[in-house]
Amino acid sequence: MAGNVLLIDDEEKLRRLLKRILSLEGYTVSESGTLAAARKLLDKDNIDVVICDVKLPDGNGVEAVAGFKKEYPEKEIILLTAYGNIADGVQAIKSGAFDYITKGDDNERIIPLVSRAFEKVQMQQRIRRLEKQVGKQYTFDAIIGSSAVIKDAIHLAAKVAPLDTTVLLLGETGTGKEVFAQAIHQASTRSKQSFVAVNCSAIPRELLESEIFGHKAGAYTGALKDKKGLMEEASKGTFFLDEIGEMPLELQSKLLRVLETGEFIKVGDTRPLKVDVRIIAATNRGLQQEITEGKFREDLFFRLNVFTIHLPSLNERKDDIVLLARNFVSVYAAKINKRINGMTPDFIACLQQHHWQGNIRELKNVIERAVILENNDALTVNSLPADFLLNTTDNNPRTLSVFDMATVEKLHIQRVLNYTRGNKTEAARLLNIGLTTLYRKIEEYGIS
C-alpha cells in the first residue's frame, strides 16, 4: 500500500519529475518550495515520508532534520543534495534522517528508498497501536464490573496510582490482584518504565533470593557469572511481589531494607546497591495471623501496609458475574473462531448460584471450557462440567436443582442429542428408550 509523500525543493522542474515518478508508483505526492510552506503541509496533511533538498531559500535541509524529527517523530526524512558531502551526510543521519542521497547519481534509488522508509513508518504505526492496546488492557477502564465493592477498590487504586506510595493488595486467589497492580503501574509516573512481577510461592525458597536480588559470580555452586536480580531489572519502574506472605523470613529483612533505604546486597556481594522502585505487594493470607504465628515480620507489615486495598471475591460481587462472563464468551469465541452469541437463562442462573472458590480465574476457565464444548449458538447448562453443578446452590425454585433426578435426566438427554447432532432416532437408541418417550421428555423439559 502506497502512502503520502512530501517533496521539499525550490527547483520546480525536479519536483515535477519526482512527483510524476512517485505518483506512477501509487504514492500521493504534495509539493513545497520552502521549509516554511512544508511545515504548514506537515501540520495539515497526513504525510508519511518527506524528501527534502539540502539547500533551500529559507534554510538548510541538514539543519532542519533535527527540528522536523522533534516535531514530527513519526515521519521519515530523505535528504537530497546536488553535491555529496560526507560530513553533511553523517550529520543528517545523526539528526534522524532516513537516508542522504545525491541528485542525479542516485535517481534509481529513490523508489526503493521511499518504499523502505514507508515500511518503517508502517511498522512504527503498528508498534504504537500495539502499545496502546497493551496500555488499555491494563488500565482501570479495562477492569470489568459495576458493583459497589469493585468500584470502591478501583477508586482507591486510582487515587494512589500517581504517587510512589507502597501498596498492599489483599484478596483471595483469582480476584485480579496482578491486574490491579498493572493498572496502578499504568496510571503512575513510572508507566514508561518496567513492570516486573514475581510470585513468591512459585519459586523454590533457595532460589528466591537470587531471583529477586541477583548474585555475584561464585556466590554458590553453579553461579558462574554475575546475575542481575528482578529488583534491579525493575529500577525506575514498579516491582510487584505477589503472594508476599510466602516469602521466607530471612528475605523479609532484605525487603525491609529496600523499603527503608532503597538499598540491597546481591547474594555473595558485600557492596550495597541503590535501587529506585515502587513496591506493590499482594497476598491472600491474613498477615496479622502470620505475624502472631511468627511467620511474618511485623515491621515489614507496617512498611507494606501504608495503603491497603481489599479486592472483593466474586461471591461478594455477584452482580458482576454476567458482565465478566459475557466478556470471556466474546474473547474465547473469537479465539477459536466460533459463533456464540450469548448464554441461555439456565446457564446464567447456574453461574449466579455457583460458589466461586477460584473467583474470576475459575469463571474464566469455566467459560473457556464451555465455549469449546458448546454446539449451539448460546452457552447452555449442558456445556458445564458435573463437578461445577455439584458446587451450585439452588436459590431459585423455578430452576432445577442438580440433585433433582429430573435435572440429571434432562442434562443427560441434552448431551446425547448434542452427540447425535439432533438425530432423535439415534438418541432414543443410545438412551435405550422408545422414540415416543424421547419426544415426550423433550417436550416436558423444554429441550431445544
Protein backbone atom coordinates (compact mmCIF):
# COMPACT_ATOMS: atom_id res chain seq x y z
CA MET A 1 0.00 0.00 0.00
CA ALA A 2 1.47 3.33 -1.10
CA GLY A 3 1.48 6.32 1.23
CA ASN A 4 1.75 10.10 1.29
CA VAL A 5 5.00 11.83 0.31
CA LEU A 6 6.03 15.49 0.64
CA LEU A 7 8.65 16.90 -1.75
CA ILE A 8 10.54 19.97 -0.50
CA ASP A 9 12.69 21.52 -3.24
CA ASP A 10 12.90 25.00 -4.79
CA GLU A 11 13.61 23.54 -8.25
CA GLU A 12 10.13 23.22 -9.72
CA LYS A 13 11.22 21.02 -12.66
CA LEU A 14 12.83 18.47 -10.34
CA ARG A 15 9.74 18.46 -8.11
CA ARG A 16 7.51 17.80 -11.12
CA LEU A 17 9.76 14.95 -12.28
CA LEU A 18 9.92 13.28 -8.84
CA LYS A 19 6.19 13.78 -8.35
CA ARG A 20 5.44 12.00 -11.63
CA ILE A 21 7.79 9.12 -10.80
CA LEU A 22 6.32 8.66 -7.31
CA SER A 23 2.71 9.09 -8.48
CA LEU A 24 3.18 6.29 -11.02
CA GLU A 25 4.17 4.07 -8.07
CA GLY A 26 0.87 4.88 -6.36
CA TYR A 27 2.10 7.48 -3.86
CA THR A 28 0.09 10.61 -3.13
CA VAL A 29 2.55 13.49 -3.51
CA SER A 30 2.44 17.03 -2.07
CA GLU A 31 4.93 19.76 -3.02
CA SER A 32 6.65 22.65 -1.29
CA GLY A 33 9.39 25.07 -2.33
CA THR A 34 10.32 26.24 1.18
CA LEU A 35 10.65 24.84 4.71
CA ALA A 36 8.00 27.27 5.99
CA ALA A 37 5.41 26.08 3.47
CA ALA A 38 6.41 22.47 4.20
CA ARG A 39 5.65 22.87 7.91
CA LYS A 40 2.13 24.06 7.09
CA LEU A 41 1.57 20.96 4.97
CA LEU A 42 3.03 18.69 7.67
CA ASP A 43 0.67 20.22 10.23
CA LYS A 44 -2.34 19.80 7.96
CA ASP A 45 -1.77 16.66 5.86
CA ASN A 46 -1.15 13.03 6.78
CA ILE A 47 2.40 12.86 5.39
CA ASP A 48 4.40 9.64 5.84
CA VAL A 49 7.71 10.34 4.08
CA VAL A 50 9.48 13.66 3.40
CA ILE A 51 12.03 14.11 0.58
CA CYS A 52 13.88 17.34 1.29
CA ASP A 53 16.58 19.29 -0.60
CA VAL A 54 19.60 20.39 1.44
CA LYS A 55 19.83 23.96 0.10
CA LEU A 56 16.54 25.86 0.33
CA PRO A 57 15.67 29.58 0.22
CA ASP A 58 14.76 29.73 3.91
CA GLY A 59 17.14 27.22 5.47
CA ASN A 60 19.38 24.18 5.28
CA GLY A 61 17.81 20.72 4.99
CA VAL A 62 20.51 19.05 7.12
CA GLU A 63 19.95 21.53 9.94
CA ALA A 64 16.16 21.24 9.57
CA VAL A 65 16.13 17.44 10.05
CA ALA A 66 16.54 17.55 13.85
CA GLY A 67 13.66 20.04 14.17
CA PHE A 68 11.42 18.02 11.87
CA LYS A 69 12.09 14.79 13.79
CA LYS A 70 11.34 16.53 17.08
CA GLU A 71 8.05 17.99 15.82
CA TYR A 72 7.03 15.02 13.64
CA PRO A 73 8.85 11.96 15.05
CA GLU A 74 6.59 9.51 13.21
CA LYS A 75 7.67 10.76 9.74
CA GLU A 76 10.78 9.61 7.83
CA ILE A 77 13.01 12.15 6.06
CA ILE A 78 15.19 11.54 2.99
CA LEU A 79 17.65 14.33 2.12
CA LEU A 80 18.60 15.27 -1.45
CA THR A 81 21.72 17.24 -2.33
CA ALA A 82 23.26 18.43 -5.61
CA TYR A 83 26.76 17.83 -4.23
CA GLY A 84 27.52 14.88 -1.98
CA ASN A 85 29.23 15.81 1.26
CA ILE A 86 30.29 13.14 3.75
CA ALA A 87 30.17 15.48 6.75
CA ASP A 88 26.63 16.60 5.88
CA GLY A 89 25.59 13.01 5.30
CA VAL A 90 26.89 11.91 8.72
CA GLN A 91 25.22 14.89 10.42
CA ALA A 92 21.92 14.20 8.65
CA ILE A 93 21.83 10.54 9.76
CA LYS A 94 22.79 11.52 13.32
CA SER A 95 19.93 14.03 13.35
CA GLY A 96 17.45 11.32 12.40
CA ALA A 97 17.31 11.35 8.58
CA PHE A 98 16.33 8.04 6.99
CA ASP A 99 18.97 8.49 4.26
CA TYR A 100 21.02 11.07 2.35
CA ILE A 101 21.40 10.80 -1.43
CA THR A 102 22.83 12.81 -4.34
CA LYS A 103 20.57 14.20 -7.05
CA GLY A 104 21.01 12.64 -10.47
CA ASP A 105 23.52 9.98 -9.45
CA ASP A 106 21.05 8.21 -7.16
CA ASN A 107 17.81 8.60 -9.11
CA GLU A 108 17.36 4.82 -9.38
CA ARG A 109 17.46 4.62 -5.56
CA ILE A 110 14.51 6.96 -4.98
CA ILE A 111 11.66 4.44 -5.37
CA PRO A 112 13.16 1.57 -3.27
CA LEU A 113 14.32 4.12 -0.69
CA VAL A 114 10.85 5.67 -0.32
CA SER A 115 9.38 2.16 -0.16
CA ARG A 116 11.69 1.18 2.73
CA ALA A 117 11.01 4.47 4.52
CA PHE A 118 7.27 3.92 4.21
CA GLU A 119 7.65 0.33 5.52
CA LYS A 120 9.42 1.75 8.58
CA VAL A 121 6.59 4.26 9.10
CA GLN A 122 4.02 1.47 8.90
CA MET A 123 5.97 -0.68 11.36
CA GLN A 124 6.20 2.22 13.83
CA GLN A 125 2.47 2.82 13.48
CA ARG A 126 1.76 -0.88 14.21
CA ILE A 127 4.02 -0.73 17.28
CA ARG A 128 2.20 2.35 18.57
CA ARG A 129 -1.19 0.66 18.05
CA LEU A 130 0.03 -2.42 19.93
CA GLU A 131 1.42 -0.25 22.74
CA LYS A 132 -1.95 1.49 23.01
CA GLN A 133 -3.74 -1.86 23.11
CA VAL A 134 -1.40 -3.17 25.81
CA GLY A 135 -1.74 0.04 27.78
CA LYS A 136 -5.53 -0.09 27.51
CA GLN A 137 -5.53 -3.74 28.57
CA TYR A 138 -4.03 -2.76 31.91
CA THR A 139 -5.91 0.45 32.65
CA PHE A 140 -8.62 0.80 35.30
CA ASP A 141 -11.16 1.13 32.46
CA ALA A 142 -10.34 -2.45 31.48
CA ILE A 143 -11.40 -3.79 34.88
CA ILE A 144 -14.91 -5.15 34.35
CA GLY A 145 -17.56 -4.62 36.99
CA SER A 146 -20.29 -2.25 38.12
CA SER A 147 -20.82 -3.46 41.70
CA ALA A 148 -20.17 -1.01 44.53
CA VAL A 149 -17.37 -3.11 46.06
CA ILE A 150 -15.28 -3.27 42.88
CA LYS A 151 -15.91 0.42 42.17
CA ASP A 152 -14.63 1.27 45.65
CA ALA A 153 -11.46 -0.78 45.04
CA ILE A 154 -10.88 0.91 41.66
CA HIS A 155 -11.43 4.35 43.22
CA LEU A 156 -8.81 3.70 45.91
CA ALA A 157 -6.30 2.28 43.43
CA ALA A 158 -6.75 5.23 41.06
CA LYS A 159 -6.19 7.66 43.96
CA VAL A 160 -2.87 6.12 44.98
CA ALA A 161 -1.60 5.26 41.48
CA PRO A 162 0.11 8.62 40.65
CA LEU A 163 2.04 8.55 43.93
CA ASP A 164 5.09 6.46 44.82
CA THR A 165 3.33 5.07 47.90
CA THR A 166 3.77 1.37 48.67
CA VAL A 167 0.51 -0.53 48.09
CA LEU A 168 -0.67 -3.78 49.68
CA LEU A 169 -3.38 -5.67 47.78
CA LEU A 170 -5.39 -8.16 49.84
CA GLY A 171 -7.80 -10.71 48.44
CA GLU A 172 -8.49 -14.34 47.68
CA THR A 173 -6.66 -16.17 44.91
CA GLY A 174 -8.06 -15.30 41.49
CA THR A 175 -9.54 -11.89 42.42
CA GLY A 176 -7.29 -9.99 40.00
CA LYS A 177 -4.52 -8.66 42.23
CA GLU A 178 -1.94 -8.57 39.41
CA VAL A 179 -4.45 -6.85 37.12
CA PHE A 180 -4.84 -4.12 39.74
CA ALA A 181 -1.07 -3.88 40.19
CA GLN A 182 -0.64 -3.45 36.42
CA ALA A 183 -3.37 -0.78 36.32
CA ILE A 184 -1.71 1.12 39.19
CA HIS A 185 1.60 0.99 37.31
CA GLN A 186 -0.01 2.18 34.04
CA ALA A 187 -1.57 5.16 35.82
CA SER A 188 1.67 6.09 37.61
CA THR A 189 4.55 8.36 36.63
CA ARG A 190 6.59 5.16 36.13
CA SER A 191 4.35 3.78 33.37
CA LYS A 192 7.05 4.15 30.69
CA GLN A 193 9.43 2.01 32.78
CA SER A 194 9.37 -1.71 33.58
CA PHE A 195 6.67 -3.54 35.49
CA VAL A 196 8.34 -6.63 36.97
CA ALA A 197 6.32 -9.27 38.81
CA VAL A 198 7.48 -12.20 40.92
CA ASN A 199 5.30 -14.81 42.60
CA CYS A 200 6.96 -15.68 45.91
CA SER A 201 5.12 -19.01 46.09
CA ALA A 202 6.14 -20.15 42.60
CA ILE A 203 9.94 -20.07 43.09
CA PRO A 204 11.77 -22.50 45.42
CA ARG A 205 12.84 -20.63 48.57
CA GLU A 206 16.51 -21.47 48.00
CA LEU A 207 16.37 -19.70 44.60
CA LEU A 208 14.05 -16.83 45.52
CA GLU A 209 16.78 -14.60 46.99
CA SER A 210 18.91 -14.87 43.86
CA GLU A 211 15.90 -14.26 41.59
CA ILE A 212 14.88 -11.10 43.44
CA PHE A 213 18.24 -9.61 44.40
CA GLY A 214 20.68 -11.26 41.96
CA HIS A 215 24.06 -12.80 42.77
CA LYS A 216 27.78 -12.41 42.20
CA ALA A 217 29.83 -14.98 40.28
CA GLY A 218 30.96 -17.71 42.67
CA ALA A 219 28.29 -16.94 45.27
CA TYR A 220 27.33 -20.62 45.22
CA THR A 221 27.91 -23.74 43.13
CA GLY A 222 26.73 -23.08 39.59
CA ALA A 223 26.87 -19.27 39.87
CA LEU A 224 29.36 -18.88 37.02
CA LYS A 225 28.72 -15.20 36.32
CA ASP A 226 27.11 -12.13 37.87
CA LYS A 227 23.32 -12.11 37.63
CA LYS A 228 21.07 -9.07 37.78
CA GLY A 229 18.05 -9.69 40.03
CA LEU A 230 14.44 -8.82 39.25
CA MET A 231 14.58 -5.94 41.74
CA GLU A 232 17.36 -4.35 39.69
CA GLU A 233 15.50 -5.08 36.44
CA ALA A 234 12.58 -3.06 37.83
CA SER A 235 14.74 0.02 38.51
CA LYS A 236 12.80 3.26 37.91
CA GLY A 237 9.65 1.16 37.47
CA THR A 238 7.32 -0.97 39.59
CA PHE A 239 8.19 -4.21 41.40
CA PHE A 240 5.18 -6.42 42.15
CA LEU A 241 5.61 -9.06 44.86
CA ASP A 242 2.70 -11.49 44.57
CA GLU A 243 1.97 -13.85 47.48
CA ILE A 244 4.26 -11.85 49.77
CA GLY A 245 3.02 -13.97 52.68
CA GLU A 246 5.03 -16.88 51.25
CA MET A 247 8.35 -15.01 51.42
CA PRO A 248 10.84 -16.65 53.85
CA LEU A 249 11.68 -14.64 56.99
CA GLU A 250 15.35 -14.24 56.04
CA LEU A 251 14.34 -12.50 52.78
CA GLN A 252 11.77 -10.32 54.52
CA SER A 253 14.60 -8.46 56.29
CA LYS A 254 16.28 -7.71 52.93
CA LEU A 255 13.00 -6.41 51.51
CA LEU A 256 12.54 -4.26 54.62
CA ARG A 257 15.93 -2.68 53.94
CA VAL A 258 14.88 -1.84 50.38
CA LEU A 259 11.73 -0.14 51.68
CA GLU A 260 13.65 1.79 54.34
CA THR A 261 16.85 2.78 52.49
CA GLY A 262 16.40 1.86 48.82
CA GLU A 263 19.42 -0.47 49.11
CA PHE A 264 20.05 -4.20 48.84
CA ILE A 265 23.03 -6.54 48.60
CA LYS A 266 23.34 -9.25 45.96
CA VAL A 267 23.95 -12.82 47.08
CA GLY A 268 27.71 -13.23 47.56
CA ASP A 269 28.42 -9.50 47.45
CA THR A 270 29.38 -7.04 50.21
CA ARG A 271 28.67 -3.80 48.40
CA PRO A 272 25.12 -2.38 48.69
CA LEU A 273 23.33 -1.33 45.50
CA LYS A 274 20.88 1.56 45.26
CA VAL A 275 17.56 0.91 43.58
CA ASP A 276 14.61 3.19 42.79
CA VAL A 277 11.47 1.08 42.61
CA ARG A 278 7.86 1.36 43.63
CA ILE A 279 6.78 -1.71 45.61
CA ILE A 280 3.32 -3.23 45.23
CA ALA A 281 2.72 -6.39 47.27
CA ALA A 282 -0.21 -8.80 47.33
CA THR A 283 -1.32 -11.73 49.42
CA ASN A 284 -4.31 -13.99 50.03
CA ARG A 285 -3.10 -14.68 53.57
CA GLY A 286 -4.07 -12.93 56.78
CA LEU A 287 -0.76 -11.25 57.58
CA GLN A 288 -1.82 -10.35 61.12
CA GLN A 289 -2.28 -14.06 61.86
CA GLU A 290 1.06 -14.80 60.17
CA ILE A 291 2.71 -12.25 62.49
CA THR A 292 1.15 -13.91 65.55
CA GLU A 293 2.49 -17.27 64.38
CA GLY A 294 5.96 -15.81 63.82
CA LYS A 295 5.85 -16.34 60.04
CA PHE A 296 5.85 -12.68 59.01
CA ARG A 297 7.80 -9.69 60.30
CA GLU A 298 5.66 -7.07 61.99
CA ASP A 299 8.00 -4.22 60.96
CA LEU A 300 7.76 -5.31 57.31
CA PHE A 301 3.99 -5.48 57.57
CA PHE A 302 3.86 -1.87 58.79
CA ARG A 303 6.11 -0.80 55.90
CA LEU A 304 3.89 -2.58 53.37
CA ASN A 305 0.61 -1.61 54.97
CA VAL A 306 0.88 2.08 54.03
CA PHE A 307 -2.05 1.90 51.60
CA THR A 308 -4.12 -1.28 51.65
CA ILE A 309 -6.78 -2.19 49.09
CA HIS A 310 -9.09 -5.15 49.62
CA LEU A 311 -10.14 -6.84 46.38
CA PRO A 312 -13.59 -8.44 46.75
CA SER A 313 -14.16 -12.09 45.94
CA LEU A 314 -16.51 -12.96 43.08
CA ASN A 315 -19.03 -14.19 45.66
CA GLU A 316 -19.05 -10.62 47.07
CA ARG A 317 -19.81 -9.14 43.65
CA LYS A 318 -22.46 -11.46 42.18
CA ASP A 319 -23.85 -8.58 40.10
CA ASP A 320 -20.65 -8.60 38.02
CA ILE A 321 -20.74 -12.28 37.08
CA VAL A 322 -22.80 -11.85 33.91
CA LEU A 323 -20.69 -8.86 32.74
CA LEU A 324 -17.49 -10.84 33.24
CA ALA A 325 -18.93 -13.98 31.65
CA ARG A 326 -20.09 -12.10 28.54
CA ASN A 327 -16.64 -10.65 28.13
CA PHE A 328 -14.99 -14.08 28.42
CA VAL A 329 -17.50 -15.60 25.97
CA SER A 330 -16.59 -12.91 23.43
CA VAL A 331 -12.84 -13.41 23.97
CA TYR A 332 -12.79 -17.20 23.75
CA ALA A 333 -15.33 -17.47 20.92
CA ALA A 334 -13.16 -15.10 18.85
CA LYS A 335 -10.03 -17.00 19.85
CA ILE A 336 -11.27 -20.30 18.39
CA ASN A 337 -13.36 -18.64 15.64
CA LYS A 338 -16.67 -19.94 16.96
CA ARG A 339 -20.03 -18.17 16.59
CA ILE A 340 -21.52 -17.97 20.09
CA ASN A 341 -23.88 -15.08 20.74
CA GLY A 342 -24.52 -15.40 24.44
CA MET A 343 -25.75 -17.59 27.28
CA THR A 344 -29.11 -19.21 27.99
CA PRO A 345 -31.07 -18.12 31.10
CA ASP A 346 -30.43 -21.53 32.72
CA PHE A 347 -26.68 -21.16 32.10
CA ILE A 348 -26.68 -17.66 33.64
CA ALA A 349 -28.68 -18.91 36.63
CA CYS A 350 -26.08 -21.62 37.26
CA LEU A 351 -23.27 -19.07 37.13
CA GLN A 352 -25.04 -16.80 39.60
CA GLN A 353 -25.83 -19.64 42.01
CA HIS A 354 -22.35 -21.15 41.95
CA HIS A 355 -19.95 -20.69 44.87
CA TRP A 356 -16.81 -19.31 43.20
CA GLN A 357 -13.92 -20.69 45.19
CA GLY A 358 -11.47 -19.79 42.41
CA ASN A 359 -13.06 -16.37 41.78
CA ILE A 360 -12.54 -14.68 38.38
CA ARG A 361 -9.88 -17.20 37.37
CA GLU A 362 -12.37 -20.05 37.88
CA LEU A 363 -15.08 -18.21 35.94
CA LYS A 364 -12.66 -17.64 33.07
CA ASN A 365 -11.77 -21.35 32.95
CA VAL A 366 -15.43 -22.43 33.09
CA ILE A 367 -16.37 -20.12 30.20
CA GLU A 368 -13.39 -21.20 28.07
CA ARG A 369 -14.33 -24.88 28.53
CA ALA A 370 -18.00 -24.17 27.79
CA VAL A 371 -17.15 -22.28 24.59
CA ILE A 372 -15.03 -25.22 23.39
CA LEU A 373 -17.76 -27.81 24.11
CA GLU A 374 -20.89 -25.90 23.11
CA ASN A 375 -22.58 -26.91 19.84
CA ASN A 376 -25.28 -24.24 19.94
CA ASP A 377 -25.08 -20.51 19.29
CA ALA A 378 -25.51 -19.79 23.02
CA LEU A 379 -23.90 -21.47 26.02
CA THR A 380 -26.21 -23.99 27.69
CA VAL A 381 -26.09 -25.85 31.01
CA ASN A 382 -25.04 -28.88 29.03
CA SER A 383 -21.58 -27.37 28.49
CA LEU A 384 -20.96 -27.05 32.24
CA PRO A 385 -18.96 -29.79 33.99
CA ALA A 386 -20.74 -32.05 36.50
CA ASP A 387 -18.41 -31.07 39.37
CA PHE A 388 -19.30 -27.43 38.71
CA LEU A 389 -23.00 -28.18 39.06
CA LEU A 390 -22.39 -30.04 42.31
CA ASN A 391 -20.98 -26.81 43.75
CA THR A 392 -24.03 -24.83 42.66
CA THR A 393 -26.78 -23.98 45.13
CA ASP A 394 -30.40 -23.69 44.13
CA ASN A 395 -31.86 -20.42 45.38
CA ASN A 396 -34.44 -20.17 42.61
CA PRO A 397 -37.44 -22.53 42.92
CA ARG A 398 -38.00 -22.25 39.16
CA THR A 399 -34.52 -23.58 38.42
CA LEU A 400 -33.95 -27.33 38.55
CA SER A 401 -31.51 -28.48 41.22
CA VAL A 402 -28.52 -30.62 40.26
CA PHE A 403 -29.60 -33.09 42.93
CA ASP A 404 -33.05 -33.46 41.36
CA MET A 405 -33.47 -36.60 39.19
CA ALA A 406 -35.32 -34.56 36.56
CA THR A 407 -32.29 -32.27 36.18
CA VAL A 408 -29.95 -35.22 35.77
CA GLU A 409 -32.26 -36.78 33.17
CA LYS A 410 -32.68 -33.51 31.29
CA LEU A 411 -28.92 -32.91 31.15
CA HIS A 412 -28.24 -36.45 30.01
CA ILE A 413 -30.84 -36.31 27.23
CA GLN A 414 -29.45 -32.95 26.09
CA ARG A 415 -25.91 -34.37 25.97
CA VAL A 416 -26.99 -37.37 23.93
CA LEU A 417 -28.93 -35.17 21.49
CA ASN A 418 -25.86 -32.98 21.12
CA TYR A 419 -23.77 -36.10 20.48
CA THR A 420 -26.16 -37.30 17.76
CA ARG A 421 -26.40 -33.75 16.32
CA GLY A 422 -30.17 -33.72 16.90
CA ASN A 423 -30.87 -37.18 15.43
CA LYS A 424 -33.71 -38.27 17.75
CA THR A 425 -33.97 -41.83 16.44
CA GLU A 426 -30.27 -42.43 17.17
CA ALA A 427 -30.59 -40.64 20.53
CA ALA A 428 -33.51 -42.86 21.55
CA ARG A 429 -31.48 -45.95 20.59
CA LEU A 430 -28.49 -44.81 22.67
CA LEU A 431 -30.74 -43.92 25.63
CA ASN A 432 -32.47 -47.29 25.30
CA ILE A 433 -35.95 -45.71 25.33
CA GLY A 434 -38.75 -45.51 22.79
CA LEU A 435 -38.82 -42.66 20.30
CA THR A 436 -42.27 -41.58 21.59
CA THR A 437 -40.89 -41.45 25.14
CA LEU A 438 -37.99 -39.33 23.96
CA TYR A 439 -40.33 -36.84 22.25
CA ARG A 440 -42.47 -36.65 25.40
CA LYS A 441 -39.43 -35.91 27.58
CA ILE A 442 -38.10 -33.31 25.11
CA GLU A 443 -41.44 -31.50 25.34
CA GLU A 444 -41.64 -31.94 29.13
CA TYR A 445 -38.18 -30.50 29.79
CA GLY A 446 -38.32 -27.87 27.05
CA ILE A 447 -35.19 -29.23 25.38
CA SER A 448 -34.35 -27.39 22.18
